[in-house]
Amino acid sequence: MTRSIIRIEGSLICAETLKMEIGDCARHLRQVEFRFPAFDGRPVVTATIYSPDSNGTIFAIWSVVVNDLGDQTQVAISAQNVQIGDPSDFTYYCDVIVIGKAPITGQTA
């Protein structure tokens, strides 16, 4: 959907919004994966989940996994409906902001 990558001096700031996918086993789970340029070390991740369609059903993040893939950083977010087991057919989106040390000069962002 929307994506921004900004390098400010020694920092790399990435932001993106993606549609979350329904979990493999149940409609009360959502998952999404982001791929950003590599960071030098582990970045800080901030995420929010929302639905423009929902009547108030809330999803809470229960897992944030950051993986160094060499030339990329993978951020995987998993969330669950707070009304445990209550299925939701609404579309949910995840906004993520990832901030960290930029890779060594000469590497592309």
N, C-alpha and C. Protein backbone atom coordinates (compact mmCIF):
# COMPACT_ATOMS: atom_id res chain seq x y z
N MET A 1 0.84 -1.19 0.00
CA MET A 1 0.00 0.00 0.00
C MET A 1 0.88 1.25 0.00
N THR A 2 1.35 1.68 1.17
CA THR A 2 2.25 2.83 1.22
C THR A 2 3.58 2.39 1.82
N ARG A 3 4.66 2.97 1.34
CA ARG A 3 5.99 2.59 1.81
C ARG A 3 6.92 3.80 1.74
N SER A 4 7.70 4.02 2.80
CA SER A 4 8.69 5.08 2.84
C SER A 4 9.97 4.53 3.43
N ILE A 5 11.09 4.90 2.83
CA ILE A 5 12.41 4.54 3.36
C ILE A 5 13.25 5.81 3.33
N ILE A 6 13.72 6.22 4.51
CA ILE A 6 14.46 7.46 4.63
C ILE A 6 15.77 7.19 5.37
N ARG A 7 16.85 7.74 4.85
CA ARG A 7 18.15 7.65 5.51
C ARG A 7 18.49 9.05 6.01
N ILE A 8 18.71 9.16 7.32
CA ILE A 8 19.11 10.42 7.92
C ILE A 8 20.41 10.17 8.66
N GLU A 9 21.48 10.74 8.13
CA GLU A 9 22.82 10.54 8.68
C GLU A 9 23.05 9.04 8.89
N GLY A 10 23.23 8.57 10.12
CA GLY A 10 23.53 7.16 10.35
C GLY A 10 22.32 6.30 10.64
N SER A 11 21.12 6.84 10.45
CA SER A 11 19.90 6.09 10.76
C SER A 11 19.11 5.76 9.51
N LEU A 12 18.40 4.64 9.57
CA LEU A 12 17.51 4.22 8.50
C LEU A 12 16.11 4.12 9.10
N ILE A 13 15.15 4.81 8.48
CA ILE A 13 13.77 4.82 8.96
C ILE A 13 12.89 4.26 7.85
N CYS A 14 12.18 3.19 8.16
CA CYS A 14 11.30 2.55 7.17
C CYS A 14 9.88 2.51 7.73
N ALA A 15 8.92 2.80 6.88
CA ALA A 15 7.51 2.73 7.27
C ALA A 15 6.71 2.13 6.12
N GLU A 16 5.74 1.30 6.48
CA GLU A 16 4.91 0.66 5.46
C GLU A 16 3.58 0.24 6.06
N THR A 17 2.56 0.20 5.23
CA THR A 17 1.25 -0.32 5.59
C THR A 17 0.92 -1.46 4.65
N LEU A 18 0.55 -2.61 5.22
CA LEU A 18 0.17 -3.77 4.42
C LEU A 18 -1.10 -4.40 4.97
N LYS A 19 -1.85 -5.05 4.08
CA LYS A 19 -3.03 -5.81 4.48
C LYS A 19 -2.57 -7.08 5.19
N MET A 20 -3.21 -7.39 6.31
CA MET A 20 -2.88 -8.61 7.05
C MET A 20 -3.67 -9.77 6.46
N GLU A 21 -3.04 -10.93 6.45
CA GLU A 21 -3.66 -12.14 5.92
C GLU A 21 -4.27 -12.95 7.06
N ILE A 22 -5.37 -13.63 6.78
CA ILE A 22 -6.01 -14.49 7.78
C ILE A 22 -5.09 -15.67 8.04
N GLY A 23 -4.93 -16.02 9.32
CA GLY A 23 -4.06 -17.12 9.72
C GLY A 23 -4.48 -18.45 9.10
N ASP A 24 -3.53 -19.35 8.99
CA ASP A 24 -3.77 -20.65 8.37
C ASP A 24 -4.87 -21.45 9.05
N CYS A 25 -4.96 -21.32 10.37
CA CYS A 25 -5.87 -22.21 11.09
C CYS A 25 -7.17 -21.55 11.56
N ALA A 26 -7.27 -20.21 11.54
CA ALA A 26 -8.48 -19.62 12.08
C ALA A 26 -8.66 -18.16 11.66
N ARG A 27 -9.92 -17.73 11.58
CA ARG A 27 -10.23 -16.35 11.19
C ARG A 27 -10.06 -15.37 12.34
N HIS A 28 -9.66 -15.83 13.51
CA HIS A 28 -9.40 -14.89 14.61
C HIS A 28 -7.91 -14.53 14.69
N LEU A 29 -7.11 -14.98 13.72
CA LEU A 29 -5.69 -14.68 13.65
C LEU A 29 -5.37 -13.90 12.38
N ARG A 30 -4.37 -13.02 12.45
CA ARG A 30 -3.89 -12.29 11.28
C ARG A 30 -2.37 -12.29 11.30
N GLN A 31 -1.78 -12.27 10.08
CA GLN A 31 -0.33 -12.27 9.93
C GLN A 31 0.06 -11.35 8.78
N VAL A 32 1.27 -10.80 8.89
CA VAL A 32 1.80 -10.00 7.80
C VAL A 32 3.33 -10.01 7.88
N GLU A 33 3.97 -9.90 6.73
CA GLU A 33 5.43 -9.89 6.66
C GLU A 33 5.88 -8.66 5.88
N PHE A 34 6.85 -7.96 6.43
CA PHE A 34 7.45 -6.80 5.79
C PHE A 34 8.90 -7.14 5.45
N ARG A 35 9.41 -6.57 4.36
CA ARG A 35 10.82 -6.73 4.00
C ARG A 35 11.39 -5.32 3.76
N PHE A 36 12.47 -5.04 4.47
CA PHE A 36 13.14 -3.75 4.36
C PHE A 36 14.61 -3.96 4.07
N PRO A 37 15.33 -2.88 3.70
CA PRO A 37 16.78 -3.03 3.52
C PRO A 37 17.42 -3.50 4.83
N ALA A 38 18.61 -4.02 4.71
CA ALA A 38 19.34 -4.50 5.89
C ALA A 38 19.66 -3.34 6.83
N PHE A 39 19.62 -3.62 8.12
CA PHE A 39 20.04 -2.67 9.15
C PHE A 39 21.37 -3.17 9.72
N ASP A 40 22.11 -2.27 10.33
CA ASP A 40 23.32 -2.65 11.04
C ASP A 40 22.92 -2.91 12.49
N GLY A 41 22.61 -4.16 12.81
CA GLY A 41 22.10 -4.51 14.14
C GLY A 41 20.59 -4.60 14.15
N ARG A 42 20.06 -4.90 15.31
CA ARG A 42 18.61 -5.06 15.45
C ARG A 42 17.91 -3.71 15.52
N PRO A 43 16.91 -3.46 14.66
CA PRO A 43 16.18 -2.19 14.69
C PRO A 43 15.06 -2.21 15.74
N VAL A 44 14.50 -1.04 15.98
CA VAL A 44 13.32 -0.89 16.84
C VAL A 44 12.09 -0.95 15.94
N VAL A 45 11.09 -1.73 16.35
CA VAL A 45 9.87 -1.92 15.56
C VAL A 45 8.66 -1.42 16.35
N THR A 46 7.84 -0.59 15.70
CA THR A 46 6.58 -0.15 16.27
C THR A 46 5.48 -0.51 15.27
N ALA A 47 4.40 -1.13 15.74
CA ALA A 47 3.33 -1.56 14.83
C ALA A 47 1.97 -1.26 15.43
N THR A 48 1.01 -0.97 14.57
CA THR A 48 -0.38 -0.81 14.95
C THR A 48 -1.25 -1.58 13.96
N ILE A 49 -2.41 -2.01 14.43
CA ILE A 49 -3.35 -2.76 13.59
C ILE A 49 -4.70 -2.06 13.62
N TYR A 50 -5.32 -1.97 12.46
CA TYR A 50 -6.64 -1.32 12.39
C TYR A 50 -7.44 -1.90 11.23
N SER A 51 -8.74 -1.65 11.29
CA SER A 51 -9.63 -2.03 10.21
C SER A 51 -10.57 -0.87 9.91
N PRO A 52 -10.63 -0.43 8.65
CA PRO A 52 -11.58 0.62 8.31
C PRO A 52 -13.02 0.11 8.31
N ASP A 53 -13.20 -1.22 8.32
CA ASP A 53 -14.53 -1.84 8.23
C ASP A 53 -15.09 -2.31 9.57
N SER A 54 -14.23 -2.49 10.55
CA SER A 54 -14.61 -3.17 11.78
C SER A 54 -15.61 -2.37 12.61
N ASN A 55 -16.45 -3.11 13.29
CA ASN A 55 -17.43 -2.51 14.19
C ASN A 55 -16.90 -2.44 15.62
N GLY A 56 -15.60 -2.59 15.80
CA GLY A 56 -15.01 -2.52 17.12
C GLY A 56 -14.20 -3.73 17.51
N THR A 57 -14.17 -4.75 16.66
CA THR A 57 -13.35 -5.92 16.95
C THR A 57 -11.89 -5.50 16.97
N ILE A 58 -11.18 -5.84 18.04
CA ILE A 58 -9.80 -5.40 18.24
C ILE A 58 -8.85 -6.58 18.09
N PHE A 59 -7.77 -6.36 17.37
CA PHE A 59 -6.71 -7.35 17.26
C PHE A 59 -5.50 -6.86 18.05
N ALA A 60 -4.92 -7.73 18.85
CA ALA A 60 -3.74 -7.41 19.64
C ALA A 60 -2.53 -8.15 19.08
N ILE A 61 -1.42 -7.45 18.98
CA ILE A 61 -0.17 -8.06 18.49
C ILE A 61 0.35 -9.00 19.57
N TRP A 62 0.67 -10.23 19.18
CA TRP A 62 1.23 -11.18 20.14
C TRP A 62 2.61 -11.67 19.73
N SER A 63 3.06 -11.30 18.52
CA SER A 63 4.40 -11.71 18.10
C SER A 63 4.97 -10.71 17.10
N VAL A 64 6.20 -10.27 17.38
CA VAL A 64 6.97 -9.45 16.44
C VAL A 64 8.31 -10.16 16.29
N VAL A 65 8.60 -10.64 15.08
CA VAL A 65 9.84 -11.37 14.82
C VAL A 65 10.65 -10.57 13.80
N VAL A 66 11.92 -10.31 14.14
CA VAL A 66 12.83 -9.59 13.24
C VAL A 66 13.93 -10.56 12.83
N ASN A 67 14.09 -10.76 11.52
CA ASN A 67 15.11 -11.67 11.00
C ASN A 67 16.06 -10.93 10.07
N ASP A 68 17.35 -11.14 10.26
CA ASP A 68 18.38 -10.62 9.37
C ASP A 68 18.53 -11.61 8.23
N LEU A 69 18.18 -11.19 7.01
CA LEU A 69 18.26 -12.07 5.85
C LEU A 69 19.46 -11.73 4.97
N GLY A 70 20.44 -11.05 5.55
CA GLY A 70 21.63 -10.67 4.78
C GLY A 70 21.45 -9.31 4.15
N ASP A 71 20.85 -9.25 2.96
CA ASP A 71 20.64 -7.97 2.29
C ASP A 71 19.28 -7.35 2.62
N GLN A 72 18.48 -8.03 3.45
CA GLN A 72 17.16 -7.53 3.85
C GLN A 72 16.92 -7.81 5.34
N THR A 73 15.99 -7.05 5.88
CA THR A 73 15.48 -7.31 7.23
C THR A 73 14.01 -7.68 7.09
N GLN A 74 13.65 -8.84 7.63
CA GLN A 74 12.26 -9.30 7.61
C GLN A 74 11.64 -8.98 8.96
N VAL A 75 10.44 -8.40 8.93
CA VAL A 75 9.66 -8.15 10.14
C VAL A 75 8.33 -8.87 9.97
N ALA A 76 8.06 -9.83 10.83
CA ALA A 76 6.81 -10.61 10.76
C ALA A 76 5.97 -10.27 11.99
N ILE A 77 4.72 -9.89 11.75
CA ILE A 77 3.79 -9.51 12.81
C ILE A 77 2.63 -10.50 12.83
N SER A 78 2.30 -11.00 14.02
CA SER A 78 1.14 -11.87 14.20
C SER A 78 0.22 -11.24 15.24
N ALA A 79 -1.08 -11.34 15.00
CA ALA A 79 -2.05 -10.74 15.91
C ALA A 79 -3.25 -11.67 16.08
N GLN A 80 -3.95 -11.47 17.19
CA GLN A 80 -5.12 -12.29 17.50
C GLN A 80 -6.24 -11.40 18.00
N ASN A 81 -7.45 -11.76 17.64
CA ASN A 81 -8.64 -11.07 18.12
C ASN A 81 -8.67 -11.16 19.65
N VAL A 82 -8.91 -10.05 20.34
CA VAL A 82 -8.92 -10.09 21.81
C VAL A 82 -10.14 -10.84 22.35
N GLN A 83 -11.16 -11.02 21.54
CA GLN A 83 -12.28 -11.89 21.89
C GLN A 83 -11.87 -13.28 21.40
N ILE A 84 -11.04 -13.95 22.18
CA ILE A 84 -10.36 -15.18 21.77
C ILE A 84 -11.34 -16.18 21.15
N GLY A 85 -10.97 -16.64 19.96
CA GLY A 85 -11.76 -17.63 19.25
C GLY A 85 -12.92 -17.06 18.45
N ASP A 86 -13.20 -15.76 18.61
CA ASP A 86 -14.30 -15.12 17.89
C ASP A 86 -13.82 -14.76 16.48
N PRO A 87 -14.33 -15.43 15.44
CA PRO A 87 -13.85 -15.18 14.09
C PRO A 87 -14.21 -13.77 13.60
N SER A 88 -13.39 -13.22 12.74
CA SER A 88 -13.65 -11.90 12.17
C SER A 88 -13.34 -11.95 10.68
N ASP A 89 -14.29 -11.52 9.87
CA ASP A 89 -14.11 -11.50 8.43
C ASP A 89 -13.69 -10.13 7.91
N PHE A 90 -13.50 -9.16 8.81
CA PHE A 90 -13.11 -7.82 8.39
C PHE A 90 -11.67 -7.81 7.87
N THR A 91 -11.38 -6.83 7.04
CA THR A 91 -10.04 -6.63 6.53
C THR A 91 -9.26 -5.78 7.54
N TYR A 92 -8.06 -6.24 7.89
CA TYR A 92 -7.20 -5.51 8.84
C TYR A 92 -5.90 -5.16 8.17
N TYR A 93 -5.34 -4.02 8.56
CA TYR A 93 -4.07 -3.53 8.05
C TYR A 93 -3.10 -3.35 9.20
N CYS A 94 -1.82 -3.46 8.89
CA CYS A 94 -0.77 -3.24 9.88
C CYS A 94 0.12 -2.10 9.38
N ASP A 95 0.28 -1.08 10.23
CA ASP A 95 1.25 -0.01 9.99
C ASP A 95 2.49 -0.36 10.78
N VAL A 96 3.65 -0.26 10.18
CA VAL A 96 4.89 -0.55 10.91
C VAL A 96 5.91 0.56 10.63
N ILE A 97 6.64 0.92 11.67
CA ILE A 97 7.77 1.84 11.56
C ILE A 97 8.98 1.11 12.15
N VAL A 98 10.05 1.07 11.39
CA VAL A 98 11.26 0.37 11.80
C VAL A 98 12.41 1.38 11.74
N ILE A 99 13.09 1.56 12.86
CA ILE A 99 14.17 2.54 12.94
C ILE A 99 15.42 1.85 13.48
N GLY A 100 16.54 2.09 12.80
CA GLY A 100 17.78 1.50 13.27
C GLY A 100 18.98 2.13 12.62
N LYS A 101 20.12 1.57 12.93
CA LYS A 101 21.38 2.05 12.37
C LYS A 101 21.47 1.64 10.90
N ALA A 102 21.78 2.62 10.06
CA ALA A 102 21.90 2.35 8.63
C ALA A 102 23.09 1.44 8.36
N PRO A 103 23.02 0.65 7.30
CA PRO A 103 24.16 -0.20 6.95
C PRO A 103 25.39 0.64 6.62
N ILE A 104 26.52 0.00 6.60
CA ILE A 104 27.79 0.65 6.31
C ILE A 104 27.70 1.38 4.96
N THR A 105 28.29 2.57 4.88
CA THR A 105 28.29 3.35 3.65
C THR A 105 28.76 2.51 2.48
N GLY A 106 28.06 2.66 1.38
CA GLY A 106 28.38 1.87 0.20
C GLY A 106 27.32 0.80 -0.06
N GLN A 107 26.59 0.40 1.00
CA GLN A 107 25.48 -0.52 0.83
C GLN A 107 24.26 0.32 0.47
N THR A 108 23.37 -0.22 -0.33
CA THR A 108 22.19 0.53 -0.74
C THR A 108 21.05 0.32 0.22
N ALA A 109 20.21 1.31 0.32
CA ALA A 109 19.04 1.22 1.21
C ALA A 109 17.78 1.05 0.42
